[in-house]
Amino acid sequence: MDIAFLDERISDTKAKIVAYGLAVDALLAGGIAEYRLDTGQSIQRVTKIDIDQLNKAIDNLTNRLVTYQARRNGASVIVRPAY
């Protein structure tokens, strides 16, 4: 993959992780019932009910980030079953 493309994806993914994290922090801090989550691609309103989904999204984004970083650094290996 192109290094510039991977650098762009890494930056974008980091920004999304921060956006989701800020939403979770704001909802957990209390005082608000709803948070406006702006990921740069979409704007959605989330509530405390959505915290589990937000945490899953953060986990998925973190896994994606690690994959992009591994590919960027040349450490990504594709493994296929031997059968």
PDB file of N, CA and C in Angstrom:
ATOM      1  N   MET A   1       0.835  -1.181   0.000  1.00  0.00           N
ATOM      2  CA  MET A   1       0.000   0.000   0.000  1.00  0.00           C
ATOM      3  C   MET A   1       0.877   1.241   0.000  1.00  0.00           C
ATOM      4  N   ASP A   2       0.335   2.294  -0.499  1.00  0.00           N
ATOM      5  CA  ASP A   2       1.012   3.575  -0.559  1.00  0.00           C
ATOM      6  C   ASP A   2       1.193   4.153   0.850  1.00  0.00           C
ATOM      7  N   ILE A   3       2.407   4.591   1.175  1.00  0.00           N
ATOM      8  CA  ILE A   3       2.718   5.127   2.497  1.00  0.00           C
ATOM      9  C   ILE A   3       1.866   6.365   2.804  1.00  0.00           C
ATOM     10  N   ALA A   4       1.698   7.237   1.834  1.00  0.00           N
ATOM     11  CA  ALA A   4       0.901   8.457   2.049  1.00  0.00           C
ATOM     12  C   ALA A   4      -0.546   8.098   2.373  1.00  0.00           C
ATOM     13  N   PHE A   5      -1.073   7.090   1.674  1.00  0.00           N
ATOM     14  CA  PHE A   5      -2.443   6.640   1.942  1.00  0.00           C
ATOM     15  C   PHE A   5      -2.557   6.114   3.368  1.00  0.00           C
ATOM     16  N   LEU A   6      -1.602   5.282   3.775  1.00  0.00           N
ATOM     17  CA  LEU A   6      -1.636   4.730   5.125  1.00  0.00           C
ATOM     18  C   LEU A   6      -1.501   5.824   6.180  1.00  0.00           C
ATOM     19  N   ASP A   7      -0.636   6.808   5.933  1.00  0.00           N
ATOM     20  CA  ASP A   7      -0.501   7.921   6.876  1.00  0.00           C
ATOM     21  C   ASP A   7      -1.822   8.675   7.028  1.00  0.00           C
ATOM     22  N   GLU A   8      -2.520   8.854   5.916  1.00  0.00           N
ATOM     23  CA  GLU A   8      -3.824   9.533   5.946  1.00  0.00           C
ATOM     24  C   GLU A   8      -4.849   8.717   6.730  1.00  0.00           C
ATOM     25  N   ARG A   9      -4.872   7.408   6.499  1.00  0.00           N
ATOM     26  CA  ARG A   9      -5.815   6.533   7.208  1.00  0.00           C
ATOM     27  C   ARG A   9      -5.498   6.506   8.704  1.00  0.00           C
ATOM     28  N   ILE A  10      -4.213   6.498   9.055  1.00  0.00           N
ATOM     29  CA  ILE A  10      -3.817   6.501  10.464  1.00  0.00           C
ATOM     30  C   ILE A  10      -4.295   7.781  11.141  1.00  0.00           C
ATOM     31  N   SER A  11      -4.085   8.916  10.511  1.00  0.00           N
ATOM     32  CA  SER A  11      -4.524  10.188  11.087  1.00  0.00           C
ATOM     33  C   SER A  11      -6.038  10.250  11.240  1.00  0.00           C
ATOM     34  N   ASP A  12      -6.741   9.787  10.210  1.00  0.00           N
ATOM     35  CA  ASP A  12      -8.208   9.784  10.243  1.00  0.00           C
ATOM     36  C   ASP A  12      -8.728   8.875  11.355  1.00  0.00           C
ATOM     37  N   THR A  13      -8.139   7.710  11.489  1.00  0.00           N
ATOM     38  CA  THR A  13      -8.571   6.754  12.508  1.00  0.00           C
ATOM     39  C   THR A  13      -8.300   7.293  13.911  1.00  0.00           C
ATOM     40  N   LYS A  14      -7.147   7.931  14.105  1.00  0.00           N
ATOM     41  CA  LYS A  14      -6.843   8.539  15.402  1.00  0.00           C
ATOM     42  C   LYS A  14      -7.858   9.620  15.758  1.00  0.00           C
ATOM     43  N   ALA A  15      -8.233  10.429  14.770  1.00  0.00           N
ATOM     44  CA  ALA A  15      -9.211  11.495  15.013  1.00  0.00           C
ATOM     45  C   ALA A  15     -10.561  10.909  15.415  1.00  0.00           C
ATOM     46  N   LYS A  16     -10.951   9.810  14.797  1.00  0.00           N
ATOM     47  CA  LYS A  16     -12.220   9.167  15.142  1.00  0.00           C
ATOM     48  C   LYS A  16     -12.170   8.575  16.549  1.00  0.00           C
ATOM     49  N   ILE A  17     -11.040   7.967  16.912  1.00  0.00           N
ATOM     50  CA  ILE A  17     -10.900   7.418  18.262  1.00  0.00           C
ATOM     51  C   ILE A  17     -11.048   8.531  19.292  1.00  0.00           C
ATOM     52  N   VAL A  18     -10.431   9.667  19.033  1.00  0.00           N
ATOM     53  CA  VAL A  18     -10.537  10.808  19.952  1.00  0.00           C
ATOM     54  C   VAL A  18     -11.983  11.286  20.034  1.00  0.00           C
ATOM     55  N   ALA A  19     -12.665  11.403  18.894  1.00  0.00           N
ATOM     56  CA  ALA A  19     -14.054  11.879  18.881  1.00  0.00           C
ATOM     57  C   ALA A  19     -14.965  10.953  19.683  1.00  0.00           C
ATOM     58  N   TYR A  20     -14.825   9.660  19.465  1.00  0.00           N
ATOM     59  CA  TYR A  20     -15.646   8.700  20.215  1.00  0.00           C
ATOM     60  C   TYR A  20     -15.301   8.718  21.696  1.00  0.00           C
ATOM     61  N   GLY A  21     -14.018   8.833  22.003  1.00  0.00           N
ATOM     62  CA  GLY A  21     -13.591   8.894  23.400  1.00  0.00           C
ATOM     63  C   GLY A  21     -14.135  10.113  24.119  1.00  0.00           C
ATOM     64  N   LEU A  22     -14.129  11.257  23.437  1.00  0.00           N
ATOM     65  CA  LEU A  22     -14.691  12.471  24.036  1.00  0.00           C
ATOM     66  C   LEU A  22     -16.185  12.315  24.312  1.00  0.00           C
ATOM     67  N   ALA A  23     -16.875  11.641  23.411  1.00  0.00           N
ATOM     68  CA  ALA A  23     -18.310  11.408  23.604  1.00  0.00           C
ATOM     69  C   ALA A  23     -18.551  10.540  24.835  1.00  0.00           C
ATOM     70  N   VAL A  24     -17.787   9.467  24.965  1.00  0.00           N
ATOM     71  CA  VAL A  24     -17.939   8.581  26.124  1.00  0.00           C
ATOM     72  C   VAL A  24     -17.623   9.337  27.411  1.00  0.00           C
ATOM     73  N   ASP A  25     -16.517  10.074  27.410  1.00  0.00           N
ATOM     74  CA  ASP A  25     -16.131  10.837  28.605  1.00  0.00           C
ATOM     75  C   ASP A  25     -17.203  11.844  29.006  1.00  0.00           C
ATOM     76  N   ALA A  26     -17.759  12.542  28.026  1.00  0.00           N
ATOM     77  CA  ALA A  26     -18.784  13.545  28.315  1.00  0.00           C
ATOM     78  C   ALA A  26     -20.046  12.909  28.884  1.00  0.00           C
ATOM     79  N   LEU A  27     -20.428  11.774  28.323  1.00  0.00           N
ATOM     80  CA  LEU A  27     -21.633  11.101  28.797  1.00  0.00           C
ATOM     81  C   LEU A  27     -21.436  10.522  30.189  1.00  0.00           C
ATOM     82  N   LEU A  28     -20.244   9.997  30.454  1.00  0.00           N
ATOM     83  CA  LEU A  28     -19.976   9.407  31.766  1.00  0.00           C
ATOM     84  C   LEU A  28     -19.789  10.469  32.853  1.00  0.00           C
ATOM     85  N   ALA A  29     -19.351  11.643  32.465  1.00  0.00           N
ATOM     86  CA  ALA A  29     -19.127  12.709  33.441  1.00  0.00           C
ATOM     87  C   ALA A  29     -20.439  13.206  34.032  1.00  0.00           C
ATOM     88  N   GLY A  30     -21.527  12.946  33.352  1.00  0.00           N
ATOM     89  CA  GLY A  30     -22.841  13.372  33.841  1.00  0.00           C
ATOM     90  C   GLY A  30     -23.115  14.816  33.475  1.00  0.00           C
ATOM     91  N   GLY A  31     -24.275  15.255  33.828  1.00  0.00           N
ATOM     92  CA  GLY A  31     -24.656  16.632  33.545  1.00  0.00           C
ATOM     93  C   GLY A  31     -25.257  16.832  32.163  1.00  0.00           C
ATOM     94  N   ILE A  32     -25.041  15.884  31.264  1.00  0.00           N
ATOM     95  CA  ILE A  32     -25.659  15.982  29.943  1.00  0.00           C
ATOM     96  C   ILE A  32     -26.393  14.685  29.643  1.00  0.00           C
ATOM     97  N   ALA A  33     -27.462  14.807  28.915  1.00  0.00           N
ATOM     98  CA  ALA A  33     -28.251  13.626  28.569  1.00  0.00           C
ATOM     99  C   ALA A  33     -27.950  13.153  27.151  1.00  0.00           C
ATOM    100  N   GLU A  34     -27.383  14.062  26.353  1.00  0.00           N
ATOM    101  CA  GLU A  34     -27.150  13.755  24.948  1.00  0.00           C
ATOM    102  C   GLU A  34     -25.883  14.459  24.495  1.00  0.00           C
ATOM    103  N   TYR A  35     -25.125  13.816  23.607  1.00  0.00           N
ATOM    104  CA  TYR A  35     -23.876  14.372  23.109  1.00  0.00           C
ATOM    105  C   TYR A  35     -23.920  14.365  21.593  1.00  0.00           C
ATOM    106  N   ARG A  36     -23.442  15.433  20.993  1.00  0.00           N
ATOM    107  CA  ARG A  36     -23.388  15.543  19.533  1.00  0.00           C
ATOM    108  C   ARG A  36     -22.016  15.046  19.081  1.00  0.00           C
ATOM    109  N   LEU A  37     -21.989  13.883  18.443  1.00  0.00           N
ATOM    110  CA  LEU A  37     -20.757  13.240  18.007  1.00  0.00           C
ATOM    111  C   LEU A  37     -20.498  13.588  16.552  1.00  0.00           C
ATOM    112  N   ASP A  38     -19.405  14.306  16.323  1.00  0.00           N
ATOM    113  CA  ASP A  38     -19.025  14.721  14.974  1.00  0.00           C
ATOM    114  C   ASP A  38     -17.712  14.035  14.621  1.00  0.00           C
ATOM    115  N   THR A  39     -17.760  13.029  13.738  1.00  0.00           N
ATOM    116  CA  THR A  39     -16.561  12.283  13.361  1.00  0.00           C
ATOM    117  C   THR A  39     -15.871  12.868  12.138  1.00  0.00           C
ATOM    118  N   GLY A  40     -16.413  13.938  11.612  1.00  0.00           N
ATOM    119  CA  GLY A  40     -15.854  14.513  10.405  1.00  0.00           C
ATOM    120  C   GLY A  40     -16.546  13.994   9.155  1.00  0.00           C
ATOM    121  N   GLN A  41     -17.156  12.844   9.259  1.00  0.00           N
ATOM    122  CA  GLN A  41     -17.907  12.276   8.142  1.00  0.00           C
ATOM    123  C   GLN A  41     -19.405  12.337   8.396  1.00  0.00           C
ATOM    124  N   SER A  42     -19.767  12.276   9.653  1.00  0.00           N
ATOM    125  CA  SER A  42     -21.181  12.326   9.999  1.00  0.00           C
ATOM    126  C   SER A  42     -21.338  12.958  11.375  1.00  0.00           C
ATOM    127  N   ILE A  43     -22.539  13.412  11.634  1.00  0.00           N
ATOM    128  CA  ILE A  43     -22.884  13.966  12.941  1.00  0.00           C
ATOM    129  C   ILE A  43     -24.059  13.161  13.460  1.00  0.00           C
ATOM    130  N   GLN A  44     -23.924  12.660  14.682  1.00  0.00           N
ATOM    131  CA  GLN A  44     -25.024  11.905  15.276  1.00  0.00           C
ATOM    132  C   GLN A  44     -25.155  12.282  16.738  1.00  0.00           C
ATOM    133  N   ARG A  45     -26.318  12.087  17.247  1.00  0.00           N
ATOM    134  CA  ARG A  45     -26.574  12.351  18.659  1.00  0.00           C
ATOM    135  C   ARG A  45     -26.546  11.016  19.398  1.00  0.00           C
ATOM    136  N   VAL A  46     -25.788  10.987  20.492  1.00  0.00           N
ATOM    137  CA  VAL A  46     -25.667   9.763  21.281  1.00  0.00           C
ATOM    138  C   VAL A  46     -26.043  10.060  22.726  1.00  0.00           C
ATOM    139  N   THR A  47     -26.506   9.025  23.414  1.00  0.00           N
ATOM    140  CA  THR A  47     -26.900   9.146  24.814  1.00  0.00           C
ATOM    141  C   THR A  47     -26.165   8.088  25.626  1.00  0.00           C
ATOM    142  N   LYS A  48     -26.424   8.061  26.919  1.00  0.00           N
ATOM    143  CA  LYS A  48     -25.769   7.071  27.777  1.00  0.00           C
ATOM    144  C   LYS A  48     -26.102   5.641  27.362  1.00  0.00           C
ATOM    145  N   ILE A  49     -27.241   5.460  26.750  1.00  0.00           N
ATOM    146  CA  ILE A  49     -27.636   4.136  26.265  1.00  0.00           C
ATOM    147  C   ILE A  49     -26.659   3.640  25.195  1.00  0.00           C
ATOM    148  N   ASP A  50     -26.025   4.563  24.491  1.00  0.00           N
ATOM    149  CA  ASP A  50     -25.129   4.226  23.387  1.00  0.00           C
ATOM    150  C   ASP A  50     -23.683   3.973  23.821  1.00  0.00           C
ATOM    151  N   ILE A  51     -23.381   4.068  25.106  1.00  0.00           N
ATOM    152  CA  ILE A  51     -21.992   3.955  25.560  1.00  0.00           C
ATOM    153  C   ILE A  51     -21.370   2.616  25.172  1.00  0.00           C
ATOM    154  N   ASP A  52     -22.100   1.518  25.291  1.00  0.00           N
ATOM    155  CA  ASP A  52     -21.550   0.214  24.900  1.00  0.00           C
ATOM    156  C   ASP A  52     -21.185   0.194  23.411  1.00  0.00           C
ATOM    157  N   GLN A  53     -22.044   0.736  22.572  1.00  0.00           N
ATOM    158  CA  GLN A  53     -21.765   0.802  21.134  1.00  0.00           C
ATOM    159  C   GLN A  53     -20.574   1.710  20.854  1.00  0.00           C
ATOM    160  N   LEU A  54     -20.472   2.803  21.581  1.00  0.00           N
ATOM    161  CA  LEU A  54     -19.340   3.703  21.405  1.00  0.00           C
ATOM    162  C   LEU A  54     -18.033   3.021  21.794  1.00  0.00           C
ATOM    163  N   ASN A  55     -18.051   2.278  22.891  1.00  0.00           N
ATOM    164  CA  ASN A  55     -16.851   1.557  23.319  1.00  0.00           C
ATOM    165  C   ASN A  55     -16.464   0.473  22.318  1.00  0.00           C
ATOM    166  N   LYS A  56     -17.447  -0.208  21.739  1.00  0.00           N
ATOM    167  CA  LYS A  56     -17.160  -1.201  20.702  1.00  0.00           C
ATOM    168  C   LYS A  56     -16.555  -0.532  19.472  1.00  0.00           C
ATOM    169  N   ALA A  57     -17.077   0.636  19.123  1.00  0.00           N
ATOM    170  CA  ALA A  57     -16.537   1.382  17.984  1.00  0.00           C
ATOM    171  C   ALA A  57     -15.089   1.787  18.252  1.00  0.00           C
ATOM    172  N   ILE A  58     -14.800   2.211  19.483  1.00  0.00           N
ATOM    173  CA  ILE A  58     -13.429   2.569  19.845  1.00  0.00           C
ATOM    174  C   ILE A  58     -12.509   1.357  19.727  1.00  0.00           C
ATOM    175  N   ASP A  59     -12.968   0.202  20.204  1.00  0.00           N
ATOM    176  CA  ASP A  59     -12.179  -1.026  20.094  1.00  0.00           C
ATOM    177  C   ASP A  59     -11.905  -1.383  18.631  1.00  0.00           C
ATOM    178  N   ASN A  60     -12.938  -1.293  17.792  1.00  0.00           N
ATOM    179  CA  ASN A  60     -12.780  -1.588  16.364  1.00  0.00           C
ATOM    180  C   ASN A  60     -11.813  -0.617  15.703  1.00  0.00           C
ATOM    181  N   LEU A  61     -11.955   0.661  16.031  1.00  0.00           N
ATOM    182  CA  LEU A  61     -11.063   1.670  15.463  1.00  0.00           C
ATOM    183  C   LEU A  61      -9.624   1.468  15.931  1.00  0.00           C
ATOM    184  N   THR A  62      -9.452   1.073  17.184  1.00  0.00           N
ATOM    185  CA  THR A  62      -8.113   0.817  17.705  1.00  0.00           C
ATOM    186  C   THR A  62      -7.475  -0.365  16.978  1.00  0.00           C
ATOM    187  N   ASN A  63      -8.240  -1.412  16.748  1.00  0.00           N
ATOM    188  CA  ASN A  63      -7.730  -2.560  15.981  1.00  0.00           C
ATOM    189  C   ASN A  63      -7.353  -2.145  14.562  1.00  0.00           C
ATOM    190  N   ARG A  64      -8.182  -1.325  13.951  1.00  0.00           N
ATOM    191  CA  ARG A  64      -7.894  -0.822  12.605  1.00  0.00           C
ATOM    192  C   ARG A  64      -6.606   0.005  12.611  1.00  0.00           C
ATOM    193  N   LEU A  65      -6.455   0.843  13.634  1.00  0.00           N
ATOM    194  CA  LEU A  65      -5.265   1.684  13.746  1.00  0.00           C
ATOM    195  C   LEU A  65      -4.001   0.824  13.854  1.00  0.00           C
ATOM    196  N   VAL A  66      -4.056  -0.201  14.692  1.00  0.00           N
ATOM    197  CA  VAL A  66      -2.902  -1.082  14.858  1.00  0.00           C
ATOM    198  C   VAL A  66      -2.559  -1.765  13.530  1.00  0.00           C
ATOM    199  N   THR A  67      -3.569  -2.185  12.788  1.00  0.00           N
ATOM    200  CA  THR A  67      -3.346  -2.816  11.492  1.00  0.00           C
ATOM    201  C   THR A  67      -2.696  -1.843  10.511  1.00  0.00           C
ATOM    202  N   TYR A  68      -3.220  -0.631  10.433  1.00  0.00           N
ATOM    203  CA  TYR A  68      -2.634   0.385   9.543  1.00  0.00           C
ATOM    204  C   TYR A  68      -1.189   0.679   9.928  1.00  0.00           C
ATOM    205  N   GLN A  69      -0.932   0.809  11.225  1.00  0.00           N
ATOM    206  CA  GLN A  69       0.423   1.109  11.675  1.00  0.00           C
ATOM    207  C   GLN A  69       1.381  -0.040  11.350  1.00  0.00           C
ATOM    208  N   ALA A  70       0.906  -1.274  11.503  1.00  0.00           N
ATOM    209  CA  ALA A  70       1.740  -2.434  11.168  1.00  0.00           C
ATOM    210  C   ALA A  70       2.048  -2.451   9.675  1.00  0.00           C
ATOM    211  N   ARG A  71       1.055  -2.172   8.859  1.00  0.00           N
ATOM    212  CA  ARG A  71       1.282  -2.128   7.411  1.00  0.00           C
ATOM    213  C   ARG A  71       2.239  -0.994   7.060  1.00  0.00           C
ATOM    214  N   ARG A  72       2.078   0.125   7.726  1.00  0.00           N
ATOM    215  CA  ARG A  72       2.936   1.294   7.481  1.00  0.00           C
ATOM    216  C   ARG A  72       4.388   0.986   7.810  1.00  0.00           C
ATOM    217  N   ASN A  73       4.591   0.203   8.865  1.00  0.00           N
ATOM    218  CA  ASN A  73       5.943  -0.108   9.312  1.00  0.00           C
ATOM    219  C   ASN A  73       6.487  -1.397   8.707  1.00  0.00           C
ATOM    220  N   GLY A  74       5.710  -2.004   7.816  1.00  0.00           N
ATOM    221  CA  GLY A  74       6.169  -3.209   7.136  1.00  0.00           C
ATOM    222  C   GLY A  74       6.118  -4.463   7.979  1.00  0.00           C
ATOM    223  N   ALA A  75       5.354  -4.438   9.061  1.00  0.00           N
ATOM    224  CA  ALA A  75       5.318  -5.589   9.970  1.00  0.00           C
ATOM    225  C   ALA A  75       4.078  -6.447   9.775  1.00  0.00           C
ATOM    226  N   SER A  76       3.245  -6.122   8.816  1.00  0.00           N
ATOM    227  CA  SER A  76       2.007  -6.870   8.614  1.00  0.00           C
ATOM    228  C   SER A  76       2.270  -8.121   7.782  1.00  0.00           C
ATOM    229  N   VAL A  77       1.793  -9.242   8.272  1.00  0.00           N
ATOM    230  CA  VAL A  77       1.962 -10.508   7.580  1.00  0.00           C
ATOM    231  C   VAL A  77       0.590 -11.134   7.381  1.00  0.00           C
ATOM    232  N   ILE A  78       0.334 -11.608   6.187  1.00  0.00           N
ATOM    233  CA  ILE A  78      -0.934 -12.284   5.909  1.00  0.00           C
ATOM    234  C   ILE A  78      -0.710 -13.777   6.073  1.00  0.00           C
ATOM    235  N   VAL A  79      -1.480 -14.401   6.952  1.00  0.00           N
ATOM    236  CA  VAL A  79      -1.338 -15.826   7.239  1.00  0.00           C
ATOM    237  C   VAL A  79      -2.572 -16.554   6.712  1.00  0.00           C
ATOM    238  N   ARG A  80      -2.319 -17.627   6.002  1.00  0.00           N
ATOM    239  CA  ARG A  80      -3.415 -18.432   5.473  1.00  0.00           C
ATOM    240  C   ARG A  80      -3.301 -19.837   6.048  1.00  0.00           C
ATOM    241  N   PRO A  81      -4.450 -20.517   6.207  1.00  0.00           N
ATOM    242  CA  PRO A  81      -4.385 -21.887   6.721  1.00  0.00           C
ATOM    243  C   PRO A  81      -3.641 -22.807   5.751  1.00  0.00           C
ATOM    244  N   ALA A  82      -3.047 -23.853   6.295  1.00  0.00           N
ATOM    245  CA  ALA A  82      -2.228 -24.789   5.482  1.00  0.00           C
ATOM    246  C   ALA A  82      -3.052 -25.860   4.793  1.00  0.00           C
ATOM    247  N   TYR A  83      -4.337 -25.939   5.040  1.00  0.00           N
ATOM    248  CA  TYR A  83      -5.129 -27.016   4.434  1.00  0.00           C
ATOM    249  C   TYR A  83      -5.583 -26.682   3.057  1.00  0.00           C
TER     250      TYR A  83
END
